[in-house]
Amino acid sequence: MCPKDNVIVCLCSLHHKIPEAAKSLFTNAFKVHQLATFGNRKKTSWIFPKVFIDPTALTEEELYDLRDRWATCFLQLYNPEVDYDDADEKD
């Protein structure tokens, strides 16, 4: 979810649709955020990428690496002055 850009990306490895009640909840929350923050209401964009080809479970190491990459990506979006890739390296 990116309230700043009013975009929600829904990832499902099984390609299931998001329940309408959940979609409505997030869409309404974004409308309130837009109104409170910017004084207007932009339409929420939903993105449903079909990026999962292999349905097998990830190993613990692969899952950790995936979470680490996503966290780094989001941190760089909101604080680009810090190089998070070098944060784990010791001098």
N, C-alpha and C. Protein backbone atom coordinates (compact mmCIF):
# COMPACT_ATOMS: atom_id res chain seq x y z
N MET A 1 0.84 -1.17 0.00
CA MET A 1 0.00 0.00 0.00
C MET A 1 0.89 1.24 0.00
N CYS A 2 0.56 2.19 -0.82
CA CYS A 2 1.28 3.44 -0.87
C CYS A 2 0.27 4.58 -0.83
N PRO A 3 -0.04 5.07 0.39
CA PRO A 3 -1.02 6.15 0.50
C PRO A 3 -0.58 7.42 -0.23
N LYS A 4 0.73 7.66 -0.28
CA LYS A 4 1.25 8.86 -0.94
C LYS A 4 0.83 8.89 -2.41
N ASP A 5 0.91 7.75 -3.08
CA ASP A 5 0.56 7.66 -4.50
C ASP A 5 -0.85 7.11 -4.72
N ASN A 6 -1.53 6.75 -3.63
CA ASN A 6 -2.89 6.21 -3.67
C ASN A 6 -2.95 4.94 -4.51
N VAL A 7 -1.99 4.04 -4.26
CA VAL A 7 -1.88 2.79 -5.00
C VAL A 7 -1.83 1.63 -4.02
N ILE A 8 -2.53 0.56 -4.36
CA ILE A 8 -2.48 -0.67 -3.59
C ILE A 8 -2.11 -1.80 -4.53
N VAL A 9 -1.07 -2.54 -4.17
CA VAL A 9 -0.64 -3.69 -4.95
C VAL A 9 -1.04 -4.95 -4.18
N CYS A 10 -1.77 -5.81 -4.82
CA CYS A 10 -2.25 -7.04 -4.18
C CYS A 10 -1.53 -8.23 -4.78
N LEU A 11 -0.69 -8.87 -3.97
CA LEU A 11 0.07 -10.04 -4.41
C LEU A 11 -0.52 -11.30 -3.79
N CYS A 12 -0.86 -12.24 -4.64
CA CYS A 12 -1.36 -13.53 -4.15
C CYS A 12 -0.71 -14.62 -4.97
N SER A 13 0.06 -15.47 -4.31
CA SER A 13 0.74 -16.54 -5.03
C SER A 13 -0.23 -17.56 -5.63
N LEU A 14 -1.44 -17.60 -5.12
CA LEU A 14 -2.45 -18.52 -5.64
C LEU A 14 -3.40 -17.85 -6.62
N HIS A 15 -3.17 -16.55 -6.88
CA HIS A 15 -3.97 -15.76 -7.82
C HIS A 15 -5.44 -15.67 -7.42
N HIS A 16 -5.71 -15.63 -6.12
CA HIS A 16 -7.07 -15.45 -5.64
C HIS A 16 -7.43 -13.97 -5.68
N LYS A 17 -8.69 -13.69 -5.87
CA LYS A 17 -9.15 -12.30 -5.84
C LYS A 17 -9.31 -11.87 -4.40
N ILE A 18 -9.09 -10.58 -4.15
CA ILE A 18 -9.26 -10.04 -2.81
C ILE A 18 -10.77 -9.96 -2.53
N PRO A 19 -11.20 -10.33 -1.33
CA PRO A 19 -12.63 -10.23 -1.01
C PRO A 19 -13.12 -8.79 -1.15
N GLU A 20 -14.32 -8.62 -1.66
CA GLU A 20 -14.88 -7.28 -1.88
C GLU A 20 -14.92 -6.45 -0.60
N ALA A 21 -15.19 -7.09 0.55
CA ALA A 21 -15.24 -6.35 1.81
C ALA A 21 -13.87 -5.77 2.14
N ALA A 22 -12.81 -6.53 1.90
CA ALA A 22 -11.45 -6.05 2.16
C ALA A 22 -11.08 -4.94 1.18
N LYS A 23 -11.43 -5.13 -0.07
CA LYS A 23 -11.14 -4.11 -1.08
C LYS A 23 -11.86 -2.80 -0.75
N SER A 24 -13.10 -2.91 -0.35
CA SER A 24 -13.88 -1.73 0.04
C SER A 24 -13.27 -1.03 1.26
N LEU A 25 -12.84 -1.82 2.24
CA LEU A 25 -12.22 -1.26 3.44
C LEU A 25 -10.98 -0.43 3.09
N PHE A 26 -10.08 -1.00 2.30
CA PHE A 26 -8.86 -0.29 1.93
C PHE A 26 -9.16 0.92 1.04
N THR A 27 -10.08 0.77 0.10
CA THR A 27 -10.44 1.89 -0.78
C THR A 27 -11.01 3.04 0.03
N ASN A 28 -11.90 2.76 0.96
CA ASN A 28 -12.48 3.82 1.80
C ASN A 28 -11.44 4.46 2.70
N ALA A 29 -10.52 3.67 3.23
CA ALA A 29 -9.46 4.23 4.07
C ALA A 29 -8.59 5.19 3.26
N PHE A 30 -8.30 4.83 2.03
CA PHE A 30 -7.50 5.71 1.18
C PHE A 30 -8.26 6.98 0.83
N LYS A 31 -9.58 6.89 0.62
CA LYS A 31 -10.39 8.08 0.35
C LYS A 31 -10.32 9.05 1.53
N VAL A 32 -10.45 8.52 2.73
CA VAL A 32 -10.37 9.36 3.93
C VAL A 32 -8.99 9.99 4.05
N HIS A 33 -7.95 9.20 3.79
CA HIS A 33 -6.58 9.72 3.84
C HIS A 33 -6.39 10.85 2.83
N GLN A 34 -6.85 10.66 1.61
CA GLN A 34 -6.72 11.68 0.58
C GLN A 34 -7.45 12.96 0.97
N LEU A 35 -8.66 12.82 1.50
CA LEU A 35 -9.45 13.97 1.90
C LEU A 35 -8.79 14.72 3.05
N ALA A 36 -8.31 13.97 4.05
CA ALA A 36 -7.68 14.60 5.22
C ALA A 36 -6.32 15.21 4.89
N THR A 37 -5.58 14.59 4.00
CA THR A 37 -4.23 15.05 3.70
C THR A 37 -4.20 16.12 2.62
N PHE A 38 -4.97 15.92 1.57
CA PHE A 38 -4.86 16.80 0.41
C PHE A 38 -6.13 17.62 0.14
N GLY A 39 -7.19 17.34 0.86
CA GLY A 39 -8.42 18.09 0.65
C GLY A 39 -9.19 17.65 -0.59
N ASN A 40 -8.78 16.56 -1.21
CA ASN A 40 -9.52 16.03 -2.36
C ASN A 40 -9.50 14.50 -2.28
N ARG A 41 -10.24 13.89 -3.19
CA ARG A 41 -10.28 12.42 -3.19
C ARG A 41 -9.86 11.92 -4.55
N LYS A 42 -8.70 11.30 -4.61
CA LYS A 42 -8.25 10.66 -5.84
C LYS A 42 -8.71 9.21 -5.81
N LYS A 43 -8.96 8.67 -6.98
CA LYS A 43 -9.38 7.28 -7.07
C LYS A 43 -8.19 6.38 -6.74
N THR A 44 -8.43 5.37 -5.91
CA THR A 44 -7.39 4.42 -5.55
C THR A 44 -7.11 3.50 -6.72
N SER A 45 -5.83 3.33 -7.04
CA SER A 45 -5.43 2.42 -8.10
C SER A 45 -5.07 1.07 -7.49
N TRP A 46 -5.65 0.02 -8.02
CA TRP A 46 -5.36 -1.33 -7.58
C TRP A 46 -4.54 -2.02 -8.65
N ILE A 47 -3.46 -2.67 -8.25
CA ILE A 47 -2.61 -3.41 -9.18
C ILE A 47 -2.59 -4.87 -8.73
N PHE A 48 -2.86 -5.76 -9.65
CA PHE A 48 -2.89 -7.20 -9.37
C PHE A 48 -1.89 -7.91 -10.29
N PRO A 49 -0.60 -7.84 -9.95
CA PRO A 49 0.40 -8.49 -10.82
C PRO A 49 0.30 -10.01 -10.75
N LYS A 50 0.58 -10.65 -11.84
CA LYS A 50 0.60 -12.11 -11.91
C LYS A 50 2.06 -12.53 -12.02
N VAL A 51 2.78 -12.42 -10.91
CA VAL A 51 4.23 -12.65 -10.93
C VAL A 51 4.64 -14.02 -10.41
N PHE A 52 3.72 -14.76 -9.87
CA PHE A 52 4.06 -16.05 -9.28
C PHE A 52 3.79 -17.16 -10.30
N ILE A 53 4.85 -17.85 -10.69
CA ILE A 53 4.73 -18.92 -11.67
C ILE A 53 4.84 -20.28 -10.98
N ASP A 54 5.72 -20.36 -10.01
CA ASP A 54 6.00 -21.62 -9.32
C ASP A 54 5.23 -21.65 -8.00
N PRO A 55 4.29 -22.59 -7.83
CA PRO A 55 3.48 -22.62 -6.62
C PRO A 55 4.15 -23.28 -5.40
N THR A 56 5.38 -23.76 -5.55
CA THR A 56 6.03 -24.41 -4.42
C THR A 56 6.43 -23.39 -3.37
N ALA A 57 6.46 -23.83 -2.13
CA ALA A 57 6.79 -22.96 -1.00
C ALA A 57 8.26 -22.54 -1.05
N LEU A 58 8.53 -21.34 -0.54
CA LEU A 58 9.91 -20.86 -0.45
C LEU A 58 10.58 -21.46 0.77
N THR A 59 11.90 -21.61 0.69
CA THR A 59 12.65 -22.04 1.87
C THR A 59 12.72 -20.88 2.85
N GLU A 60 13.09 -21.16 4.08
CA GLU A 60 13.22 -20.09 5.08
C GLU A 60 14.23 -19.04 4.62
N GLU A 61 15.33 -19.49 4.03
CA GLU A 61 16.36 -18.55 3.55
C GLU A 61 15.83 -17.69 2.40
N GLU A 62 15.09 -18.28 1.46
CA GLU A 62 14.52 -17.53 0.34
C GLU A 62 13.48 -16.53 0.84
N LEU A 63 12.68 -16.94 1.81
CA LEU A 63 11.66 -16.06 2.37
C LEU A 63 12.31 -14.88 3.10
N TYR A 64 13.35 -15.15 3.87
CA TYR A 64 14.07 -14.07 4.56
C TYR A 64 14.66 -13.09 3.55
N ASP A 65 15.28 -13.62 2.49
CA ASP A 65 15.87 -12.77 1.47
C ASP A 65 14.80 -11.92 0.78
N LEU A 66 13.66 -12.51 0.47
CA LEU A 66 12.56 -11.78 -0.16
C LEU A 66 12.06 -10.65 0.74
N ARG A 67 11.85 -10.94 2.02
CA ARG A 67 11.40 -9.91 2.97
C ARG A 67 12.42 -8.79 3.09
N ASP A 68 13.70 -9.17 3.13
CA ASP A 68 14.77 -8.18 3.23
C ASP A 68 14.79 -7.27 2.00
N ARG A 69 14.62 -7.84 0.82
CA ARG A 69 14.60 -7.03 -0.40
C ARG A 69 13.41 -6.08 -0.44
N TRP A 70 12.23 -6.56 -0.04
CA TRP A 70 11.05 -5.70 -0.03
C TRP A 70 11.22 -4.57 0.99
N ALA A 71 11.72 -4.89 2.17
CA ALA A 71 11.92 -3.86 3.19
C ALA A 71 12.91 -2.81 2.71
N THR A 72 13.99 -3.25 2.09
CA THR A 72 14.98 -2.32 1.55
C THR A 72 14.36 -1.43 0.48
N CYS A 73 13.56 -2.02 -0.38
CA CYS A 73 12.90 -1.26 -1.44
C CYS A 73 12.01 -0.16 -0.86
N PHE A 74 11.17 -0.50 0.12
CA PHE A 74 10.27 0.48 0.70
C PHE A 74 11.03 1.55 1.48
N LEU A 75 12.06 1.16 2.19
CA LEU A 75 12.86 2.14 2.93
C LEU A 75 13.53 3.12 1.98
N GLN A 76 14.01 2.64 0.85
CA GLN A 76 14.65 3.52 -0.13
C GLN A 76 13.64 4.48 -0.75
N LEU A 77 12.40 4.05 -0.90
CA LEU A 77 11.36 4.94 -1.44
C LEU A 77 11.09 6.12 -0.51
N TYR A 78 11.11 5.86 0.78
CA TYR A 78 10.74 6.90 1.74
C TYR A 78 11.92 7.60 2.39
N ASN A 79 13.12 7.09 2.21
CA ASN A 79 14.31 7.75 2.76
C ASN A 79 15.49 7.46 1.84
N PRO A 80 15.51 8.08 0.64
CA PRO A 80 16.55 7.74 -0.34
C PRO A 80 17.95 8.20 0.02
N GLU A 81 18.10 9.03 1.06
CA GLU A 81 19.43 9.51 1.45
C GLU A 81 20.29 8.43 2.10
N VAL A 82 19.65 7.39 2.64
CA VAL A 82 20.37 6.33 3.34
C VAL A 82 20.57 5.15 2.39
N ASP A 83 21.78 4.61 2.36
CA ASP A 83 22.07 3.43 1.54
C ASP A 83 21.87 2.19 2.40
N TYR A 84 20.67 1.60 2.34
CA TYR A 84 20.32 0.48 3.19
C TYR A 84 21.06 -0.79 2.81
N ASP A 85 21.52 -0.90 1.56
CA ASP A 85 22.26 -2.09 1.14
C ASP A 85 23.59 -2.20 1.87
N ASP A 86 24.17 -1.06 2.25
CA ASP A 86 25.47 -1.07 2.95
C ASP A 86 25.32 -1.06 4.46
N ALA A 87 24.11 -1.00 4.97
CA ALA A 87 23.88 -0.89 6.41
C ALA A 87 24.36 -2.10 7.18
N ASP A 88 24.33 -3.28 6.56
CA ASP A 88 24.74 -4.50 7.24
C ASP A 88 26.25 -4.74 7.21
N GLU A 89 26.93 -4.02 6.34
CA GLU A 89 28.38 -4.20 6.22
C GLU A 89 29.09 -3.53 7.38
N LYS A 90 30.08 -4.21 7.91
CA LYS A 90 30.86 -3.66 9.02
C LYS A 90 32.16 -3.10 8.51
N ASP A 91 32.64 -2.03 9.15
CA ASP A 91 33.90 -1.40 8.75
C ASP A 91 35.08 -2.17 9.25
